[in-house]
Amino acid sequence: MENSKQSSDMRNTALIAQFEIKKMLFNPRGIIALTAFSLVWLLILLYPISGASEFLITPAYKEMIEGMFGPQLVSELFKWPVAELAIYWIIALYLFPLFSIFIAADQFSSDKSRGSFRFLTLRTSRDSIFFGRFIGYMAIQTLLLSLTVLATILLAVSRDSALLIPAIWSGFVVVLNLVIVLLPYTALMAILSLYANSARQATIYAILIWAGMAIFVAILNNYLPFINELKWILPGSQVALMINTQGLSSFAYAPIALLQTLALLLLGRLYMKRSAL
């Protein structure tokens, strides 16, 4: 009996995740959002990534960048086998978390405003709804990530066809790393969208939390240096340190994001179970 219930919950979780993906890909609002996303990344590929990658393959520019930022801060940047992916890595580490906040802000808020949670909970468990939505939104972001990395690989190969194999490997590492980075952002937005009455309100809450936490830690760190460790609670706290990494060494900070995700998912599940939605 218990195994049958677990199997049903898992099936429902997968169905909810599939529905969220289809809604993003085929719903008019989703198509508009994807079109806007594609245009933004097309501009980024054509200008910052294509143009700035030349700086990494020209010795004179390399010396200039090292002189400006210091060789310790940019040493790994010049070890990337594909310059385009090195620039993509820097941009994506900061931009994709911002996209995640906006993309994942409506996991539950629309259902709250429409009052459709009662309809959903009569047909499946709250766990299936919560984790199905989370998995669905992560799948959407993984798809978007993969497409932008693929476009960057094609850009690099068009410059030098010999870069195909190292570009595929570096691209795989980048996608996996960025998916891990986005996990806690999506989990946090799941909680905030449960609390908020709209996607816009959930986004505002996210901005307030990040800004408030950063200011709080900065102020307390002047008086109590050990308080600085509180920053690891906040999703994205490791991003600045990841910039000067490449290859498998970039996974050194993955445990931070994975632990944050686990804690946030447990907190979100508890909130989902106990709240009157």
C-alpha atoms as a PDB file:
ATOM      1  CA  MET A   1       0.000   0.000   0.000  1.00  0.00           C
ATOM      2  CA  GLU A   2       2.797   2.374   0.982  1.00  0.00           C
ATOM      3  CA  ASN A   3       4.808   1.453  -2.124  1.00  0.00           C
ATOM      4  CA  SER A   4       1.741   2.088  -4.302  1.00  0.00           C
ATOM      5  CA  LYS A   5       1.297   5.568  -2.780  1.00  0.00           C
ATOM      6  CA  GLN A   6       4.968   6.412  -3.276  1.00  0.00           C
ATOM      7  CA  SER A   7       4.799   5.235  -6.892  1.00  0.00           C
ATOM      8  CA  SER A   8       1.684   7.363  -7.476  1.00  0.00           C
ATOM      9  CA  ASP A   9       3.346  10.415  -5.900  1.00  0.00           C
ATOM     10  CA  MET A  10       6.440   9.989  -8.062  1.00  0.00           C
ATOM     11  CA  ARG A  11       4.304   9.652 -11.196  1.00  0.00           C
ATOM     12  CA  ASN A  12       2.314  12.755 -10.281  1.00  0.00           C
ATOM     13  CA  THR A  13       5.539  14.675  -9.569  1.00  0.00           C
ATOM     14  CA  ALA A  14       6.840  13.781 -13.036  1.00  0.00           C
ATOM     15  CA  LEU A  15       3.525  14.772 -14.661  1.00  0.00           C
ATOM     16  CA  ILE A  16       3.500  18.156 -12.908  1.00  0.00           C
ATOM     17  CA  ALA A  17       7.111  18.780 -13.972  1.00  0.00           C
ATOM     18  CA  GLN A  18       6.221  17.891 -17.585  1.00  0.00           C
ATOM     19  CA  PHE A  19       3.220  20.214 -17.483  1.00  0.00           C
ATOM     20  CA  GLU A  20       5.384  23.143 -16.331  1.00  0.00           C
ATOM     21  CA  ILE A  21       7.841  22.526 -19.181  1.00  0.00           C
ATOM     22  CA  LYS A  22       5.042  22.371 -21.773  1.00  0.00           C
ATOM     23  CA  LYS A  23       3.464  25.509 -20.329  1.00  0.00           C
ATOM     24  CA  MET A  24       6.708  27.411 -20.776  1.00  0.00           C
ATOM     25  CA  LEU A  25       7.385  26.084 -24.288  1.00  0.00           C
ATOM     26  CA  PHE A  26       3.891  26.299 -25.793  1.00  0.00           C
ATOM     27  CA  ASN A  27       1.943  28.829 -23.732  1.00  0.00           C
ATOM     28  CA  PRO A  28       1.853  32.334 -25.368  1.00  0.00           C
ATOM     29  CA  ARG A  29       3.283  33.972 -22.232  1.00  0.00           C
ATOM     30  CA  GLY A  30       6.027  31.360 -22.097  1.00  0.00           C
ATOM     31  CA  ILE A  31       6.858  31.825 -25.774  1.00  0.00           C
ATOM     32  CA  ILE A  32       7.129  35.606 -25.300  1.00  0.00           C
ATOM     33  CA  ALA A  33       9.437  35.094 -22.299  1.00  0.00           C
ATOM     34  CA  LEU A  34      11.608  32.634 -24.255  1.00  0.00           C
ATOM     35  CA  THR A  35      11.795  35.012 -27.217  1.00  0.00           C
ATOM     36  CA  ALA A  36      12.936  37.870 -24.975  1.00  0.00           C
ATOM     37  CA  PHE A  37      15.482  35.581 -23.323  1.00  0.00           C
ATOM     38  CA  SER A  38      16.809  34.465 -26.726  1.00  0.00           C
ATOM     39  CA  LEU A  39      17.197  38.032 -27.992  1.00  0.00           C
ATOM     40  CA  VAL A  40      19.085  39.084 -24.846  1.00  0.00           C
ATOM     41  CA  TRP A  41      21.512  36.183 -25.161  1.00  0.00           C
ATOM     42  CA  LEU A  42      21.924  36.727 -28.891  1.00  0.00           C
ATOM     43  CA  LEU A  43      23.139  40.256 -28.153  1.00  0.00           C
ATOM     44  CA  ILE A  44      25.431  38.957 -25.410  1.00  0.00           C
ATOM     45  CA  LEU A  45      26.912  36.352 -27.771  1.00  0.00           C
ATOM     46  CA  LEU A  46      27.436  38.795 -30.635  1.00  0.00           C
ATOM     47  CA  TYR A  47      29.084  41.531 -28.601  1.00  0.00           C
ATOM     48  CA  PRO A  48      30.499  40.795 -25.102  1.00  0.00           C
ATOM     49  CA  ILE A  49      31.383  37.131 -25.683  1.00  0.00           C
ATOM     50  CA  SER A  50      32.538  37.309 -29.302  1.00  0.00           C
ATOM     51  CA  GLY A  51      34.436  40.566 -28.824  1.00  0.00           C
ATOM     52  CA  ALA A  52      35.864  40.026 -25.337  1.00  0.00           C
ATOM     53  CA  SER A  53      37.149  36.547 -26.159  1.00  0.00           C
ATOM     54  CA  GLU A  54      39.792  38.207 -28.344  1.00  0.00           C
ATOM     55  CA  PHE A  55      41.257  39.753 -25.196  1.00  0.00           C
ATOM     56  CA  LEU A  56      42.067  36.294 -23.834  1.00  0.00           C
ATOM     57  CA  ILE A  57      43.922  35.082 -26.910  1.00  0.00           C
ATOM     58  CA  THR A  58      46.039  38.210 -27.472  1.00  0.00           C
ATOM     59  CA  PRO A  59      49.241  38.363 -25.337  1.00  0.00           C
ATOM     60  CA  ALA A  60      49.190  42.171 -25.090  1.00  0.00           C
ATOM     61  CA  TYR A  61      45.631  42.209 -23.759  1.00  0.00           C
ATOM     62  CA  LYS A  62      46.472  39.376 -21.370  1.00  0.00           C
ATOM     63  CA  GLU A  63      49.262  41.421 -19.808  1.00  0.00           C
ATOM     64  CA  MET A  64      46.966  44.440 -19.565  1.00  0.00           C
ATOM     65  CA  ILE A  65      44.195  42.462 -17.773  1.00  0.00           C
ATOM     66  CA  GLU A  66      46.706  40.908 -15.361  1.00  0.00           C
ATOM     67  CA  GLY A  67      48.083  44.366 -14.629  1.00  0.00           C
ATOM     68  CA  MET A  68      44.603  45.760 -13.942  1.00  0.00           C
ATOM     69  CA  PHE A  69      43.210  42.959 -11.751  1.00  0.00           C
ATOM     70  CA  GLY A  70      46.327  41.155 -10.571  1.00  0.00           C
ATOM     71  CA  PRO A  71      47.508  37.753 -11.849  1.00  0.00           C
ATOM     72  CA  GLN A  72      46.042  35.925  -8.828  1.00  0.00           C
ATOM     73  CA  LEU A  73      42.500  37.120  -9.549  1.00  0.00           C
ATOM     74  CA  VAL A  74      42.470  36.187 -13.233  1.00  0.00           C
ATOM     75  CA  SER A  75      45.044  33.383 -13.435  1.00  0.00           C
ATOM     76  CA  GLU A  76      42.499  30.632 -14.177  1.00  0.00           C
ATOM     77  CA  LEU A  77      40.715  32.759 -16.748  1.00  0.00           C
ATOM     78  CA  PHE A  78      43.604  32.332 -19.186  1.00  0.00           C
ATOM     79  CA  LYS A  79      43.718  28.549 -18.692  1.00  0.00           C
ATOM     80  CA  TRP A  80      40.359  27.977 -20.345  1.00  0.00           C
ATOM     81  CA  PRO A  81      40.855  26.024 -23.603  1.00  0.00           C
ATOM     82  CA  VAL A  82      38.019  28.010 -25.231  1.00  0.00           C
ATOM     83  CA  ALA A  83      38.105  31.792 -24.751  1.00  0.00           C
ATOM     84  CA  GLU A  84      34.421  32.247 -25.641  1.00  0.00           C
ATOM     85  CA  LEU A  85      33.356  29.898 -22.849  1.00  0.00           C
ATOM     86  CA  ALA A  86      35.622  31.718 -20.377  1.00  0.00           C
ATOM     87  CA  ILE A  87      33.771  34.973 -21.032  1.00  0.00           C
ATOM     88  CA  TYR A  88      30.424  33.158 -21.062  1.00  0.00           C
ATOM     89  CA  TRP A  89      31.295  31.669 -17.645  1.00  0.00           C
ATOM     90  CA  ILE A  90      31.798  35.101 -16.067  1.00  0.00           C
ATOM     91  CA  ILE A  91      28.625  36.580 -17.560  1.00  0.00           C
ATOM     92  CA  ALA A  92      26.422  33.543 -16.875  1.00  0.00           C
ATOM     93  CA  LEU A  93      27.478  33.255 -13.226  1.00  0.00           C
ATOM     94  CA  TYR A  94      25.878  36.622 -12.572  1.00  0.00           C
ATOM     95  CA  LEU A  95      23.087  36.787 -15.152  1.00  0.00           C
ATOM     96  CA  PHE A  96      21.515  33.349 -14.810  1.00  0.00           C
ATOM     97  CA  PRO A  97      20.787  33.715 -11.079  1.00  0.00           C
ATOM     98  CA  LEU A  98      18.965  36.953 -11.941  1.00  0.00           C
ATOM     99  CA  PHE A  99      17.023  35.168 -14.671  1.00  0.00           C
ATOM    100  CA  SER A 100      16.248  32.391 -12.184  1.00  0.00           C
ATOM    101  CA  ILE A 101      14.667  34.851  -9.743  1.00  0.00           C
ATOM    102  CA  PHE A 102      12.296  36.098 -12.453  1.00  0.00           C
ATOM    103  CA  ILE A 103      11.648  32.748 -14.158  1.00  0.00           C
ATOM    104  CA  ALA A 104      10.951  30.807 -10.942  1.00  0.00           C
ATOM    105  CA  ALA A 105       8.984  33.544  -9.150  1.00  0.00           C
ATOM    106  CA  ASP A 106       5.602  32.187 -10.241  1.00  0.00           C
ATOM    107  CA  GLN A 107       5.860  28.594  -9.091  1.00  0.00           C
ATOM    108  CA  PHE A 108       2.851  28.888  -6.759  1.00  0.00           C
ATOM    109  CA  SER A 109       1.733  32.530  -6.495  1.00  0.00           C
ATOM    110  CA  SER A 110      -0.686  32.326  -9.447  1.00  0.00           C
ATOM    111  CA  ASP A 111      -2.373  29.266  -7.932  1.00  0.00           C
ATOM    112  CA  LYS A 112      -2.766  31.164  -4.685  1.00  0.00           C
ATOM    113  CA  SER A 113      -4.372  34.173  -6.353  1.00  0.00           C
ATOM    114  CA  ARG A 114      -6.701  31.973  -8.459  1.00  0.00           C
ATOM    115  CA  GLY A 115      -7.549  29.676  -5.556  1.00  0.00           C
ATOM    116  CA  SER A 116      -6.676  26.585  -7.609  1.00  0.00           C
ATOM    117  CA  PHE A 117      -4.551  24.888  -4.924  1.00  0.00           C
ATOM    118  CA  ARG A 118      -7.617  23.166  -3.481  1.00  0.00           C
ATOM    119  CA  PHE A 119      -8.324  21.651  -6.900  1.00  0.00           C
ATOM    120  CA  LEU A 120      -4.738  20.385  -7.161  1.00  0.00           C
ATOM    121  CA  THR A 121      -4.485  18.998  -3.619  1.00  0.00           C
ATOM    122  CA  LEU A 122      -7.672  16.964  -4.114  1.00  0.00           C
ATOM    123  CA  ARG A 123      -5.912  15.051  -6.904  1.00  0.00           C
ATOM    124  CA  THR A 124      -2.352  14.681  -5.653  1.00  0.00           C
ATOM    125  CA  SER A 125      -0.172  15.233  -2.595  1.00  0.00           C
ATOM    126  CA  ARG A 126       1.383  18.542  -1.652  1.00  0.00           C
ATOM    127  CA  ASP A 127       4.822  16.936  -1.957  1.00  0.00           C
ATOM    128  CA  SER A 128       4.114  16.065  -5.600  1.00  0.00           C
ATOM    129  CA  ILE A 129       2.997  19.629  -6.311  1.00  0.00           C
ATOM    130  CA  PHE A 130       5.979  21.216  -4.545  1.00  0.00           C
ATOM    131  CA  PHE A 131       8.717  18.987  -5.960  1.00  0.00           C
ATOM    132  CA  GLY A 132       7.041  18.686  -9.367  1.00  0.00           C
ATOM    133  CA  ARG A 133       7.047  22.447  -9.794  1.00  0.00           C
ATOM    134  CA  PHE A 134      10.647  22.710  -8.555  1.00  0.00           C
ATOM    135  CA  ILE A 135      11.843  19.983 -10.948  1.00  0.00           C
ATOM    136  CA  GLY A 136       9.886  21.508 -13.828  1.00  0.00           C
ATOM    137  CA  TYR A 137      11.384  24.950 -13.360  1.00  0.00           C
ATOM    138  CA  MET A 138      14.875  23.495 -13.003  1.00  0.00           C
ATOM    139  CA  ALA A 139      14.366  21.526 -16.236  1.00  0.00           C
ATOM    140  CA  ILE A 140      13.326  24.729 -18.041  1.00  0.00           C
ATOM    141  CA  GLN A 141      16.418  26.570 -16.798  1.00  0.00           C
ATOM    142  CA  THR A 142      18.663  23.625 -17.719  1.00  0.00           C
ATOM    143  CA  LEU A 143      17.247  23.692 -21.244  1.00  0.00           C
ATOM    144  CA  LEU A 144      17.863  27.439 -21.558  1.00  0.00           C
ATOM    145  CA  LEU A 145      21.377  27.041 -20.171  1.00  0.00           C
ATOM    146  CA  SER A 146      22.187  24.239 -22.582  1.00  0.00           C
ATOM    147  CA  LEU A 147      20.973  26.234 -25.575  1.00  0.00           C
ATOM    148  CA  THR A 148      23.107  29.270 -24.678  1.00  0.00           C
ATOM    149  CA  VAL A 149      26.169  27.080 -24.097  1.00  0.00           C
ATOM    150  CA  LEU A 150      25.549  25.314 -27.426  1.00  0.00           C
ATOM    151  CA  ALA A 151      25.376  28.694 -29.166  1.00  0.00           C
ATOM    152  CA  THR A 152      28.667  29.695 -27.506  1.00  0.00           C
ATOM    153  CA  ILE A 153      30.303  26.447 -28.629  1.00  0.00           C
ATOM    154  CA  LEU A 154      29.176  27.086 -32.222  1.00  0.00           C
ATOM    155  CA  LEU A 155      30.593  30.602 -31.986  1.00  0.00           C
ATOM    156  CA  ALA A 156      33.960  29.239 -30.833  1.00  0.00           C
ATOM    157  CA  VAL A 157      34.055  26.490 -33.476  1.00  0.00           C
ATOM    158  CA  SER A 158      33.287  29.033 -36.203  1.00  0.00           C
ATOM    159  CA  ARG A 159      36.496  30.802 -35.157  1.00  0.00           C
ATOM    160  CA  ASP A 160      38.594  27.619 -34.891  1.00  0.00           C
ATOM    161  CA  SER A 161      37.209  24.168 -35.780  1.00  0.00           C
ATOM    162  CA  ALA A 162      39.945  22.486 -33.703  1.00  0.00           C
ATOM    163  CA  LEU A 163      38.175  23.738 -30.573  1.00  0.00           C
ATOM    164  CA  LEU A 164      35.193  21.384 -31.023  1.00  0.00           C
ATOM    165  CA  ILE A 165      36.212  18.654 -28.544  1.00  0.00           C
ATOM    166  CA  PRO A 166      37.550  20.952 -25.768  1.00  0.00           C
ATOM    167  CA  ALA A 167      34.509  23.194 -26.275  1.00  0.00           C
ATOM    168  CA  ILE A 168      32.084  20.288 -25.784  1.00  0.00           C
ATOM    169  CA  TRP A 169      33.866  19.192 -22.593  1.00  0.00           C
ATOM    170  CA  SER A 170      34.111  22.717 -21.182  1.00  0.00           C
ATOM    171  CA  GLY A 171      30.491  23.356 -22.140  1.00  0.00           C
ATOM    172  CA  PHE A 172      29.348  20.255 -20.265  1.00  0.00           C
ATOM    173  CA  VAL A 173      31.258  21.353 -17.148  1.00  0.00           C
ATOM    174  CA  VAL A 174      29.793  24.863 -17.398  1.00  0.00           C
ATOM    175  CA  VAL A 175      26.198  23.612 -17.745  1.00  0.00           C
ATOM    176  CA  LEU A 176      26.509  21.220 -14.810  1.00  0.00           C
ATOM    177  CA  ASN A 177      28.106  23.902 -12.633  1.00  0.00           C
ATOM    178  CA  LEU A 178      25.511  26.521 -13.460  1.00  0.00           C
ATOM    179  CA  VAL A 179      22.633  24.092 -12.838  1.00  0.00           C
ATOM    180  CA  ILE A 180      24.053  23.494  -9.350  1.00  0.00           C
ATOM    181  CA  VAL A 181      24.370  27.267  -8.819  1.00  0.00           C
ATOM    182  CA  LEU A 182      20.702  27.766  -9.787  1.00  0.00           C
ATOM    183  CA  LEU A 183      19.316  25.029  -7.520  1.00  0.00           C
ATOM    184  CA  PRO A 184      19.158  27.114  -4.296  1.00  0.00           C
ATOM    185  CA  TYR A 185      17.791  30.155  -6.157  1.00  0.00           C
ATOM    186  CA  THR A 186      14.920  28.078  -7.525  1.00  0.00           C
ATOM    187  CA  ALA A 187      14.285  26.458  -4.134  1.00  0.00           C
ATOM    188  CA  LEU A 188      14.185  29.861  -2.419  1.00  0.00           C
ATOM    189  CA  MET A 189      11.814  31.260  -5.042  1.00  0.00           C
ATOM    190  CA  ALA A 190       9.551  28.245  -4.458  1.00  0.00           C
ATOM    191  CA  ILE A 191       9.226  29.270  -0.797  1.00  0.00           C
ATOM    192  CA  LEU A 192       8.750  32.952  -1.589  1.00  0.00           C
ATOM    193  CA  SER A 193       6.117  32.212  -4.234  1.00  0.00           C
ATOM    194  CA  LEU A 194       4.233  30.151  -1.647  1.00  0.00           C
ATOM    195  CA  TYR A 195       4.211  33.159   0.660  1.00  0.00           C
ATOM    196  CA  ALA A 196       3.651  35.903  -1.944  1.00  0.00           C
ATOM    197  CA  ASN A 197       0.397  36.697  -3.692  1.00  0.00           C
ATOM    198  CA  SER A 198       2.018  37.349  -7.073  1.00  0.00           C
ATOM    199  CA  ALA A 199       5.216  36.680  -8.997  1.00  0.00           C
ATOM    200  CA  ARG A 200       6.139  40.356  -8.741  1.00  0.00           C
ATOM    201  CA  GLN A 201       5.760  40.265  -4.964  1.00  0.00           C
ATOM    202  CA  ALA A 202       7.925  37.122  -4.748  1.00  0.00           C
ATOM    203  CA  THR A 203      10.624  38.876  -6.817  1.00  0.00           C
ATOM    204  CA  ILE A 204      10.538  41.919  -4.524  1.00  0.00           C
ATOM    205  CA  TYR A 205      10.862  39.666  -1.474  1.00  0.00           C
ATOM    206  CA  ALA A 206      13.905  37.979  -3.054  1.00  0.00           C
ATOM    207  CA  ILE A 207      15.609  41.325  -3.729  1.00  0.00           C
ATOM    208  CA  LEU A 208      14.900  42.505  -0.187  1.00  0.00           C
ATOM    209  CA  ILE A 209      16.311  39.297   1.315  1.00  0.00           C
ATOM    210  CA  TRP A 210      19.553  39.464  -0.696  1.00  0.00           C
ATOM    211  CA  ALA A 211      20.082  43.173  -0.129  1.00  0.00           C
ATOM    212  CA  GLY A 212      19.116  43.033   3.547  1.00  0.00           C
ATOM    213  CA  MET A 213      21.305  40.010   4.264  1.00  0.00           C
ATOM    214  CA  ALA A 214      24.309  41.505   2.468  1.00  0.00           C
ATOM    215  CA  ILE A 215      24.011  44.798   4.377  1.00  0.00           C
ATOM    216  CA  PHE A 216      23.413  42.999   7.678  1.00  0.00           C
ATOM    217  CA  VAL A 217      26.489  40.784   7.319  1.00  0.00           C
ATOM    218  CA  ALA A 218      28.671  43.700   6.129  1.00  0.00           C
ATOM    219  CA  ILE A 219      27.747  45.834   9.146  1.00  0.00           C
ATOM    220  CA  LEU A 220      28.174  43.073  11.714  1.00  0.00           C
ATOM    221  CA  ASN A 221      31.442  41.931  10.164  1.00  0.00           C
ATOM    222  CA  ASN A 222      33.044  45.242  11.211  1.00  0.00           C
ATOM    223  CA  TYR A 223      32.423  44.382  14.858  1.00  0.00           C
ATOM    224  CA  LEU A 224      32.224  40.593  14.897  1.00  0.00           C
ATOM    225  CA  PRO A 225      34.386  39.122  12.102  1.00  0.00           C
ATOM    226  CA  PHE A 226      33.115  35.577  12.640  1.00  0.00           C
ATOM    227  CA  ILE A 227      29.619  36.764  11.626  1.00  0.00           C
ATOM    228  CA  ASN A 228      30.951  36.954   8.079  1.00  0.00           C
ATOM    229  CA  GLU A 229      30.400  33.181   7.879  1.00  0.00           C
ATOM    230  CA  LEU A 230      26.656  33.853   7.808  1.00  0.00           C
ATOM    231  CA  LYS A 231      27.037  34.839   4.161  1.00  0.00           C
ATOM    232  CA  TRP A 232      27.211  31.138   3.219  1.00  0.00           C
ATOM    233  CA  ILE A 233      23.528  30.824   4.128  1.00  0.00           C
ATOM    234  CA  LEU A 234      22.575  33.061   1.207  1.00  0.00           C
ATOM    235  CA  PRO A 235      22.306  31.496  -2.288  1.00  0.00           C
ATOM    236  CA  GLY A 236      25.008  32.798  -4.606  1.00  0.00           C
ATOM    237  CA  SER A 237      27.482  33.574  -1.830  1.00  0.00           C
ATOM    238  CA  GLN A 238      30.103  31.467  -3.628  1.00  0.00           C
ATOM    239  CA  VAL A 239      29.652  32.952  -7.115  1.00  0.00           C
ATOM    240  CA  ALA A 240      32.383  35.593  -6.807  1.00  0.00           C
ATOM    241  CA  LEU A 241      34.870  32.886  -5.808  1.00  0.00           C
ATOM    242  CA  MET A 242      33.883  30.677  -8.758  1.00  0.00           C
ATOM    243  CA  ILE A 243      34.873  33.233 -11.383  1.00  0.00           C
ATOM    244  CA  ASN A 244      38.580  32.460 -11.116  1.00  0.00           C
ATOM    245  CA  THR A 245      38.097  28.699 -11.595  1.00  0.00           C
ATOM    246  CA  GLN A 246      37.930  26.437 -14.606  1.00  0.00           C
ATOM    247  CA  GLY A 247      37.521  22.767 -15.414  1.00  0.00           C
ATOM    248  CA  LEU A 248      36.874  20.290 -12.634  1.00  0.00           C
ATOM    249  CA  SER A 249      38.258  22.699 -10.012  1.00  0.00           C
ATOM    250  CA  SER A 250      35.087  24.779 -10.462  1.00  0.00           C
ATOM    251  CA  PHE A 251      33.137  22.052  -8.635  1.00  0.00           C
ATOM    252  CA  ALA A 252      34.960  22.872  -5.397  1.00  0.00           C
ATOM    253  CA  TYR A 253      32.109  25.194  -4.405  1.00  0.00           C
ATOM    254  CA  ALA A 254      29.285  22.858  -5.447  1.00  0.00           C
ATOM    255  CA  PRO A 255      28.696  21.500  -1.893  1.00  0.00           C
ATOM    256  CA  ILE A 256      27.725  25.003  -0.720  1.00  0.00           C
ATOM    257  CA  ALA A 257      24.900  25.277  -3.267  1.00  0.00           C
ATOM    258  CA  LEU A 258      23.799  21.665  -2.731  1.00  0.00           C
ATOM    259  CA  LEU A 259      23.548  22.098   1.047  1.00  0.00           C
ATOM    260  CA  GLN A 260      21.655  25.372   0.606  1.00  0.00           C
ATOM    261  CA  THR A 261      19.247  23.623  -1.766  1.00  0.00           C
ATOM    262  CA  LEU A 262      18.640  20.720   0.614  1.00  0.00           C
ATOM    263  CA  ALA A 263      17.920  23.082   3.515  1.00  0.00           C
ATOM    264  CA  LEU A 264      15.607  25.282   1.432  1.00  0.00           C
ATOM    265  CA  LEU A 265      13.694  22.330  -0.022  1.00  0.00           C
ATOM    266  CA  LEU A 266      13.130  20.877   3.446  1.00  0.00           C
ATOM    267  CA  LEU A 267      11.964  24.287   4.682  1.00  0.00           C
ATOM    268  CA  GLY A 268       9.702  24.716   1.649  1.00  0.00           C
ATOM    269  CA  ARG A 269       8.205  21.247   2.064  1.00  0.00           C
ATOM    270  CA  LEU A 270       7.470  21.971   5.724  1.00  0.00           C
ATOM    271  CA  TYR A 271       5.839  25.296   4.826  1.00  0.00           C
ATOM    272  CA  MET A 272       3.812  23.644   2.064  1.00  0.00           C
ATOM    273  CA  LYS A 273       2.574  20.935   4.461  1.00  0.00           C
ATOM    274  CA  ARG A 274       1.518  23.306   7.223  1.00  0.00           C
ATOM    275  CA  SER A 275       0.180  26.314   5.340  1.00  0.00           C
ATOM    276  CA  ALA A 276      -3.482  26.835   4.482  1.00  0.00           C
ATOM    277  CA  LEU A 277      -3.189  27.429   0.751  1.00  0.00           C
END
